[in-house]
């Protein structure tokens, strides 16, 4: 992130992202931290200074009563369209976000208390945050959130493979599913968590076996969507969650 700090700051000037104003760390402190000196980390932590988002996150919104209104599918649709637009810009500039999830989708202003008011105010206020997780396409990765990332992202961490934009598309599809249904029942999560645990304990073969199990359960999973789900939103979810990356849409196609 520090190697790419100026690039990420410039990318964040796009209005679809939470703006990054500065990334700060002392190189001597960084070396000390990497050697395991926790005290230095706590006393002089690395810092990313970002734009303040007064409207909270899409996770906050999903946990409110707004999520039980008839406007909710339309609100989710607007959120997804804006995030897909942010990803299209990021991908076209050669980067992969790697951590798309409800906690990283922000609103630049307070949206209001009533469903119709929120739907009206959400237009133009959605921003994708945490560009600090982004890496260049093809670059080795260490970032993954098992509840949202595709199995091949964990596989890439284990095998030292590079980042691919299709990883973000799967994460956006899972984010859309979670926001729309208010369910966190991704059948691959347990296997991917086990894969990470096995990888960090040095059992690479078992970790890769867990990844394959995750792929198998996803291949047979049929997400149950609410009856009032707009057809195009349902299509985004089903296509984006395809276990085979080549069959997922691009961010531009989602928009």
Foldseek 3Di string as FASTA:
>chain_A
DVVCFVVLQVLQVPLQAWHWDDKDDDPVLVVVVVVPPVVSCVVGNIDIDTHDFAQAWLVVVLPDPLLVDLLQLVLLLQLLLSVLVSLVSQVVVFKAQADDARNQKTFRHHQDDDNVSNSVRRHSGIHGYDSVLMDGFFAQHQGHDLLQFALVNLVSNLVRTGDDNLRVLSSSLSRSLCSQPVDSPLVLSVLQVVLVVCSVVPNNVSSVVSSVVSLVVLQPDDRDGDPSNPPLSVVSNVQSSNNDSVSHDHSVVND
